[in-house]
């Protein structure tokens, strides 16, 4: 069920008291045009800096993506996490833990979070004198 507060309450009132439901706030996902624009700029900047687009993408995530820190027992390796860095070794209660910084992959970012990632990339492209206008922006300028 997707709907506003009143729609969901009305829908729930029609359900049995024995049923159990999970409710979560809907987040707007990034748009495909944002994604395409991001990768065009990644390719341009990676070529200019002479590094791989994957390396640059990870650099952008480290600088501009949502991140969080986790602790794992020293012998446990992170699984199911794509973008992370080992930060330090910590001792707690005579047990060793590794601290990791985990970076949220771009496909998991909300529209607003992805916009911040793009803004950071645009700034870095401009520092390298790389054109950052979208095709729509260029068309609008041609009409003026």
N, C-alpha and C. Protein backbone atom coordinates (compact mmCIF):
# COMPACT_ATOMS: atom_id res chain seq x y z
N UNK A 1 0.85 -1.19 0.00
CA UNK A 1 0.00 0.00 0.00
C UNK A 1 0.89 1.23 0.00
N UNK A 2 0.61 2.14 -0.88
CA UNK A 2 1.30 3.42 -0.92
C UNK A 2 0.24 4.50 -0.86
N UNK A 3 0.47 5.50 -0.06
CA UNK A 3 -0.50 6.58 0.03
C UNK A 3 -0.12 7.56 1.12
N UNK A 4 -0.93 8.59 1.24
CA UNK A 4 -0.68 9.57 2.30
C UNK A 4 -1.24 9.03 3.61
N UNK A 5 -1.05 9.79 4.66
CA UNK A 5 -1.46 9.36 6.01
C UNK A 5 -2.94 8.94 6.06
N UNK A 6 -3.82 9.75 5.52
CA UNK A 6 -5.26 9.44 5.59
C UNK A 6 -5.63 8.21 4.78
N UNK A 7 -5.02 8.05 3.61
CA UNK A 7 -5.29 6.87 2.78
C UNK A 7 -4.85 5.60 3.48
N UNK A 8 -3.69 5.65 4.12
CA UNK A 8 -3.16 4.46 4.80
C UNK A 8 -4.02 4.12 6.02
N UNK A 9 -4.44 5.14 6.79
CA UNK A 9 -5.30 4.89 7.96
C UNK A 9 -6.60 4.26 7.53
N UNK A 10 -7.22 4.77 6.48
CA UNK A 10 -8.48 4.22 5.97
C UNK A 10 -8.28 2.76 5.54
N UNK A 11 -7.20 2.50 4.84
CA UNK A 11 -6.89 1.15 4.38
C UNK A 11 -6.67 0.22 5.57
N UNK A 12 -5.93 0.69 6.59
CA UNK A 12 -5.65 -0.14 7.77
C UNK A 12 -6.92 -0.47 8.55
N UNK A 13 -7.86 0.46 8.61
CA UNK A 13 -9.11 0.23 9.35
C UNK A 13 -9.92 -0.92 8.76
N UNK A 14 -9.70 -1.22 7.50
CA UNK A 14 -10.42 -2.31 6.84
C UNK A 14 -9.75 -3.67 7.05
N UNK A 15 -8.57 -3.67 7.64
CA UNK A 15 -7.80 -4.91 7.83
C UNK A 15 -8.14 -5.57 9.16
N UNK A 16 -7.83 -6.84 9.24
CA UNK A 16 -8.06 -7.63 10.44
C UNK A 16 -7.10 -7.19 11.54
N UNK A 17 -7.56 -7.29 12.82
CA UNK A 17 -6.70 -6.92 13.96
C UNK A 17 -5.52 -7.87 14.12
N UNK A 18 -5.58 -9.04 13.54
CA UNK A 18 -4.49 -10.01 13.67
C UNK A 18 -3.35 -9.76 12.68
N UNK A 19 -3.62 -9.02 11.62
CA UNK A 19 -2.58 -8.77 10.62
C UNK A 19 -1.56 -7.76 11.16
N UNK A 20 -0.31 -7.94 10.75
CA UNK A 20 0.77 -7.06 11.17
C UNK A 20 1.38 -6.42 9.91
N UNK A 21 1.68 -5.12 10.00
CA UNK A 21 2.19 -4.38 8.85
C UNK A 21 3.44 -3.61 9.21
N UNK A 22 4.31 -3.43 8.24
CA UNK A 22 5.46 -2.54 8.37
C UNK A 22 5.16 -1.29 7.57
N UNK A 23 5.46 -0.14 8.15
CA UNK A 23 5.25 1.13 7.45
C UNK A 23 6.57 1.87 7.40
N UNK A 24 6.93 2.36 6.23
CA UNK A 24 8.14 3.15 6.11
C UNK A 24 7.86 4.37 5.24
N UNK A 25 8.60 5.41 5.51
CA UNK A 25 8.46 6.64 4.75
C UNK A 25 9.08 6.42 3.37
N UNK A 26 8.39 6.83 2.35
CA UNK A 26 8.87 6.66 0.99
C UNK A 26 9.89 7.73 0.67
N UNK A 27 11.02 7.30 0.12
CA UNK A 27 12.08 8.23 -0.27
C UNK A 27 12.12 8.31 -1.78
N UNK A 28 12.28 9.50 -2.27
CA UNK A 28 12.39 9.72 -3.72
C UNK A 28 13.75 9.23 -4.19
N UNK A 29 13.78 8.33 -5.15
CA UNK A 29 15.03 7.81 -5.69
C UNK A 29 15.57 8.77 -6.75
N UNK A 30 16.84 8.63 -7.02
CA UNK A 30 17.46 9.49 -8.03
C UNK A 30 16.87 9.19 -9.40
N UNK A 31 17.00 10.14 -10.29
CA UNK A 31 16.45 9.97 -11.63
C UNK A 31 17.52 9.39 -12.56
N UNK A 32 17.08 8.72 -13.61
CA UNK A 32 18.02 8.15 -14.57
C UNK A 32 18.81 9.23 -15.29
N UNK A 33 18.19 10.41 -15.49
CA UNK A 33 18.94 11.49 -16.14
C UNK A 33 20.06 11.98 -15.24
N UNK A 34 19.83 12.01 -13.92
CA UNK A 34 20.90 12.37 -12.98
C UNK A 34 22.03 11.36 -13.09
N UNK A 35 21.69 10.10 -13.14
CA UNK A 35 22.68 9.04 -13.23
C UNK A 35 23.50 9.15 -14.51
N UNK A 36 22.84 9.37 -15.63
CA UNK A 36 23.55 9.49 -16.91
C UNK A 36 24.50 10.68 -16.89
N UNK A 37 24.04 11.81 -16.38
CA UNK A 37 24.86 13.02 -16.28
C UNK A 37 26.08 12.75 -15.39
N UNK A 38 25.87 12.09 -14.26
CA UNK A 38 26.96 11.77 -13.35
C UNK A 38 28.05 10.97 -14.06
N UNK A 39 27.65 9.94 -14.80
CA UNK A 39 28.65 9.08 -15.44
C UNK A 39 29.34 9.75 -16.62
N UNK A 40 28.66 10.67 -17.29
CA UNK A 40 29.33 11.45 -18.35
C UNK A 40 30.45 12.27 -17.73
N UNK A 41 30.14 12.95 -16.61
CA UNK A 41 31.15 13.77 -15.95
C UNK A 41 32.27 12.91 -15.35
N UNK A 42 31.93 11.77 -14.77
CA UNK A 42 32.95 10.86 -14.23
C UNK A 42 33.94 10.47 -15.33
N UNK A 43 33.41 10.13 -16.50
CA UNK A 43 34.28 9.73 -17.61
C UNK A 43 35.18 10.88 -18.05
N UNK A 44 34.62 12.08 -18.15
CA UNK A 44 35.42 13.24 -18.56
C UNK A 44 36.54 13.53 -17.56
N UNK A 45 36.20 13.53 -16.28
CA UNK A 45 37.18 13.85 -15.25
C UNK A 45 38.22 12.73 -15.11
N UNK A 46 37.79 11.49 -15.19
CA UNK A 46 38.72 10.36 -15.11
C UNK A 46 39.74 10.43 -16.25
N UNK A 47 39.27 10.75 -17.44
CA UNK A 47 40.18 10.88 -18.58
C UNK A 47 41.18 12.02 -18.36
N UNK A 48 40.70 13.12 -17.85
CA UNK A 48 41.57 14.28 -17.60
C UNK A 48 42.62 13.96 -16.53
N UNK A 49 42.22 13.24 -15.48
CA UNK A 49 43.13 12.91 -14.38
C UNK A 49 43.93 11.64 -14.64
N UNK A 50 43.60 10.96 -15.75
CA UNK A 50 44.29 9.72 -16.13
C UNK A 50 44.17 8.64 -15.05
N UNK A 51 42.94 8.48 -14.53
CA UNK A 51 42.65 7.39 -13.58
C UNK A 51 41.40 6.67 -14.08
N UNK A 52 41.13 5.51 -13.52
CA UNK A 52 39.96 4.75 -13.96
C UNK A 52 38.69 5.42 -13.44
N UNK A 53 37.60 5.21 -14.15
CA UNK A 53 36.33 5.79 -13.71
C UNK A 53 35.88 5.15 -12.40
N UNK A 54 36.21 3.87 -12.17
CA UNK A 54 35.86 3.20 -10.92
C UNK A 54 36.59 3.83 -9.73
N UNK A 55 37.89 4.13 -9.94
CA UNK A 55 38.69 4.77 -8.89
C UNK A 55 38.13 6.16 -8.58
N UNK A 56 37.79 6.90 -9.61
CA UNK A 56 37.23 8.24 -9.41
C UNK A 56 35.86 8.17 -8.75
N UNK A 57 35.05 7.21 -9.15
CA UNK A 57 33.72 7.05 -8.54
C UNK A 57 33.86 6.80 -7.04
N UNK A 58 34.79 5.93 -6.65
CA UNK A 58 35.01 5.66 -5.22
C UNK A 58 35.48 6.94 -4.52
N UNK A 59 36.35 7.69 -5.16
CA UNK A 59 36.82 8.97 -4.58
C UNK A 59 35.65 9.92 -4.36
N UNK A 60 34.74 9.99 -5.32
CA UNK A 60 33.57 10.88 -5.19
C UNK A 60 32.67 10.41 -4.05
N UNK A 61 32.48 9.10 -3.93
CA UNK A 61 31.66 8.57 -2.84
C UNK A 61 32.29 8.91 -1.49
N UNK A 62 33.63 8.79 -1.40
CA UNK A 62 34.31 9.11 -0.14
C UNK A 62 34.14 10.58 0.22
N UNK A 63 34.15 11.44 -0.79
CA UNK A 63 34.06 12.88 -0.53
C UNK A 63 32.62 13.38 -0.33
N UNK A 64 31.67 12.82 -1.08
CA UNK A 64 30.35 13.46 -1.16
C UNK A 64 29.16 12.55 -0.86
N UNK A 65 29.38 11.26 -0.61
CA UNK A 65 28.26 10.36 -0.36
C UNK A 65 27.96 10.27 1.13
N UNK A 66 26.85 9.66 1.45
CA UNK A 66 26.49 9.38 2.84
C UNK A 66 27.42 8.27 3.34
N UNK A 67 27.95 8.44 4.54
CA UNK A 67 28.88 7.45 5.07
C UNK A 67 28.59 7.16 6.53
N UNK A 68 29.04 6.01 6.98
CA UNK A 68 28.89 5.65 8.39
C UNK A 68 30.04 4.73 8.77
N UNK A 69 30.26 4.58 10.06
CA UNK A 69 31.36 3.78 10.56
C UNK A 69 30.81 2.54 11.24
N UNK A 70 31.51 1.41 11.04
CA UNK A 70 31.12 0.17 11.69
C UNK A 70 32.34 -0.46 12.37
N UNK A 71 32.08 -1.26 13.39
CA UNK A 71 33.12 -2.05 14.06
C UNK A 71 32.82 -3.52 13.83
N UNK A 72 33.85 -4.27 13.44
CA UNK A 72 33.70 -5.71 13.28
C UNK A 72 34.81 -6.39 14.06
N UNK A 73 34.54 -7.57 14.61
CA UNK A 73 35.62 -8.31 15.25
C UNK A 73 36.78 -8.45 14.26
N UNK A 74 37.99 -8.40 14.77
CA UNK A 74 39.19 -8.38 13.92
C UNK A 74 39.20 -9.49 12.87
N UNK A 75 38.73 -10.67 13.23
CA UNK A 75 38.80 -11.82 12.32
C UNK A 75 37.68 -11.82 11.26
N UNK A 76 36.70 -10.94 11.39
CA UNK A 76 35.56 -10.89 10.46
C UNK A 76 35.86 -9.91 9.33
N UNK A 77 35.67 -10.37 8.10
CA UNK A 77 35.85 -9.50 6.94
C UNK A 77 34.48 -8.94 6.52
N UNK A 78 34.42 -7.67 6.10
CA UNK A 78 33.14 -7.10 5.66
C UNK A 78 32.60 -7.87 4.46
N UNK A 79 31.31 -8.19 4.50
CA UNK A 79 30.66 -8.87 3.38
C UNK A 79 29.40 -8.11 3.02
N UNK A 80 29.10 -8.08 1.74
CA UNK A 80 27.88 -7.41 1.29
C UNK A 80 28.01 -5.89 1.28
N UNK A 81 29.21 -5.40 1.45
CA UNK A 81 29.46 -3.95 1.43
C UNK A 81 30.44 -3.68 0.30
N UNK A 82 30.06 -2.83 -0.63
CA UNK A 82 30.90 -2.59 -1.80
C UNK A 82 31.99 -1.57 -1.54
N UNK A 83 31.64 -0.45 -0.93
CA UNK A 83 32.58 0.66 -0.78
C UNK A 83 32.91 0.89 0.70
N UNK A 84 34.13 0.56 1.08
CA UNK A 84 34.54 0.76 2.47
C UNK A 84 36.05 0.89 2.54
N UNK A 85 36.53 1.42 3.67
CA UNK A 85 37.95 1.50 3.96
C UNK A 85 38.18 1.09 5.41
N UNK A 86 39.22 0.34 5.63
CA UNK A 86 39.60 0.00 7.00
C UNK A 86 40.25 1.24 7.61
N UNK A 87 39.85 1.61 8.80
CA UNK A 87 40.36 2.82 9.44
C UNK A 87 41.32 2.55 10.59
N UNK A 88 40.94 1.71 11.54
CA UNK A 88 41.80 1.51 12.70
C UNK A 88 41.48 0.19 13.39
N UNK A 89 42.38 -0.18 14.28
CA UNK A 89 42.21 -1.36 15.11
C UNK A 89 41.91 -0.87 16.52
N UNK A 90 40.83 -1.38 17.12
CA UNK A 90 40.38 -0.91 18.42
C UNK A 90 40.28 -2.09 19.38
N UNK A 91 40.71 -1.86 20.60
CA UNK A 91 40.60 -2.90 21.63
C UNK A 91 39.47 -2.52 22.58
N UNK A 92 38.52 -3.44 22.76
CA UNK A 92 37.41 -3.24 23.69
C UNK A 92 37.22 -4.53 24.48
N UNK A 93 37.25 -4.41 25.80
CA UNK A 93 37.07 -5.58 26.66
C UNK A 93 37.99 -6.74 26.27
N UNK A 94 39.23 -6.42 26.01
CA UNK A 94 40.27 -7.40 25.64
C UNK A 94 40.00 -8.12 24.33
N UNK A 95 39.18 -7.52 23.50
CA UNK A 95 38.89 -8.09 22.18
C UNK A 95 39.23 -7.04 21.13
N UNK A 96 39.82 -7.46 20.00
CA UNK A 96 40.21 -6.54 18.94
C UNK A 96 39.10 -6.40 17.89
N UNK A 97 38.87 -5.16 17.48
CA UNK A 97 37.88 -4.84 16.45
C UNK A 97 38.54 -3.96 15.40
N UNK A 98 38.10 -4.12 14.16
CA UNK A 98 38.53 -3.22 13.10
C UNK A 98 37.41 -2.22 12.85
N UNK A 99 37.81 -0.98 12.70
CA UNK A 99 36.88 0.09 12.39
C UNK A 99 36.90 0.31 10.88
N UNK A 100 35.71 0.38 10.28
CA UNK A 100 35.59 0.59 8.84
C UNK A 100 34.71 1.81 8.58
N UNK A 101 35.10 2.60 7.57
CA UNK A 101 34.23 3.66 7.08
C UNK A 101 33.52 3.07 5.86
N UNK A 102 32.19 3.12 5.88
CA UNK A 102 31.38 2.55 4.81
C UNK A 102 30.72 3.70 4.04
N UNK A 103 30.81 3.64 2.71
CA UNK A 103 30.26 4.69 1.85
C UNK A 103 29.05 4.14 1.10
N UNK A 104 27.96 4.87 1.14
CA UNK A 104 26.72 4.43 0.50
C UNK A 104 26.89 4.45 -1.02
N UNK A 105 26.58 3.34 -1.70
CA UNK A 105 26.68 3.31 -3.17
C UNK A 105 25.71 4.32 -3.79
N UNK A 106 26.08 4.84 -4.93
CA UNK A 106 25.25 5.88 -5.56
C UNK A 106 23.84 5.38 -5.88
N UNK A 107 23.68 4.11 -6.20
CA UNK A 107 22.33 3.61 -6.53
C UNK A 107 21.41 3.54 -5.32
N UNK A 108 21.96 3.68 -4.11
CA UNK A 108 21.14 3.67 -2.90
C UNK A 108 20.85 5.07 -2.37
N UNK A 109 21.38 6.08 -3.01
CA UNK A 109 21.16 7.45 -2.54
C UNK A 109 19.79 7.97 -2.94
N UNK A 110 19.22 8.83 -2.10
CA UNK A 110 17.97 9.51 -2.46
C UNK A 110 18.29 10.55 -3.53
N UNK A 111 17.25 11.12 -4.08
CA UNK A 111 17.42 12.16 -5.10
C UNK A 111 18.26 13.32 -4.56
N UNK A 112 18.00 13.72 -3.33
CA UNK A 112 18.72 14.85 -2.72
C UNK A 112 20.17 14.47 -2.45
N UNK A 113 20.40 13.27 -1.94
CA UNK A 113 21.77 12.83 -1.66
C UNK A 113 22.57 12.70 -2.95
N UNK A 114 21.92 12.20 -3.99
CA UNK A 114 22.61 12.05 -5.28
C UNK A 114 22.92 13.42 -5.87
N UNK A 115 22.04 14.40 -5.65
CA UNK A 115 22.29 15.76 -6.13
C UNK A 115 23.55 16.33 -5.48
N UNK A 116 23.77 16.05 -4.20
CA UNK A 116 25.00 16.50 -3.52
C UNK A 116 26.24 15.84 -4.13
N UNK A 117 26.12 14.58 -4.48
CA UNK A 117 27.22 13.87 -5.13
C UNK A 117 27.54 14.53 -6.47
N UNK A 118 26.51 14.84 -7.24
CA UNK A 118 26.71 15.50 -8.53
C UNK A 118 27.31 16.89 -8.34
N UNK A 119 26.81 17.65 -7.37
CA UNK A 119 27.36 18.99 -7.11
C UNK A 119 28.86 18.92 -6.82
N UNK A 120 29.27 17.96 -6.03
CA UNK A 120 30.69 17.79 -5.73
C UNK A 120 31.48 17.46 -6.98
N UNK A 121 30.94 16.58 -7.81
CA UNK A 121 31.60 16.20 -9.05
C UNK A 121 31.71 17.39 -10.00
N UNK A 122 30.64 18.17 -10.09
CA UNK A 122 30.65 19.36 -10.95
C UNK A 122 31.75 20.32 -10.49
N UNK A 123 31.85 20.54 -9.20
CA UNK A 123 32.89 21.42 -8.65
C UNK A 123 34.28 20.93 -9.05
N UNK A 124 34.50 19.63 -8.91
CA UNK A 124 35.81 19.07 -9.26
C UNK A 124 36.07 19.15 -10.76
N UNK A 125 35.04 18.99 -11.57
CA UNK A 125 35.20 19.13 -13.03
C UNK A 125 35.56 20.57 -13.39
N UNK A 126 34.87 21.52 -12.78
CA UNK A 126 35.15 22.93 -13.06
C UNK A 126 36.58 23.30 -12.68
N UNK A 127 37.09 22.72 -11.60
CA UNK A 127 38.48 22.97 -11.20
C UNK A 127 39.46 22.49 -12.26
N UNK A 128 39.03 21.53 -13.09
CA UNK A 128 39.88 21.00 -14.16
C UNK A 128 39.49 21.58 -15.53
N UNK A 129 38.65 22.64 -15.51
CA UNK A 129 38.18 23.30 -16.74
C UNK A 129 37.44 22.34 -17.67
N UNK A 130 36.63 21.48 -17.09
CA UNK A 130 35.81 20.54 -17.86
C UNK A 130 34.40 21.10 -17.95
N UNK A 131 33.83 21.10 -19.15
CA UNK A 131 32.46 21.59 -19.37
C UNK A 131 31.49 20.72 -18.58
N UNK A 132 30.59 21.38 -17.83
CA UNK A 132 29.67 20.64 -16.96
C UNK A 132 28.20 20.89 -17.30
N UNK A 133 27.93 21.67 -18.33
CA UNK A 133 26.53 21.93 -18.65
C UNK A 133 25.88 20.68 -19.22
N UNK A 134 24.61 20.48 -18.86
CA UNK A 134 23.85 19.36 -19.39
C UNK A 134 23.41 19.71 -20.81
N UNK A 135 23.03 18.72 -21.61
CA UNK A 135 22.52 19.01 -22.96
C UNK A 135 21.32 19.96 -22.93
N UNK A 136 20.44 19.84 -21.93
CA UNK A 136 19.29 20.75 -21.83
C UNK A 136 19.73 22.18 -21.58
N UNK A 137 20.74 22.37 -20.74
CA UNK A 137 21.25 23.73 -20.46
C UNK A 137 21.86 24.33 -21.72
N UNK A 138 22.57 23.54 -22.48
CA UNK A 138 23.18 24.01 -23.72
C UNK A 138 22.10 24.40 -24.72
N UNK A 139 21.04 23.59 -24.85
CA UNK A 139 19.93 23.92 -25.75
C UNK A 139 19.26 25.22 -25.37
N UNK A 140 19.06 25.45 -24.06
CA UNK A 140 18.43 26.69 -23.60
C UNK A 140 19.28 27.90 -23.97
N UNK A 141 20.59 27.76 -23.87
CA UNK A 141 21.47 28.87 -24.24
C UNK A 141 21.40 29.16 -25.74
N UNK A 142 21.26 28.12 -26.54
CA UNK A 142 21.17 28.29 -27.99
C UNK A 142 19.89 29.02 -28.40
N UNK A 143 18.85 28.94 -27.58
CA UNK A 143 17.58 29.59 -27.87
C UNK A 143 17.58 31.06 -27.52
N UNK A 144 18.53 31.49 -26.72
CA UNK A 144 18.57 32.89 -26.26
C UNK A 144 19.14 33.78 -27.33
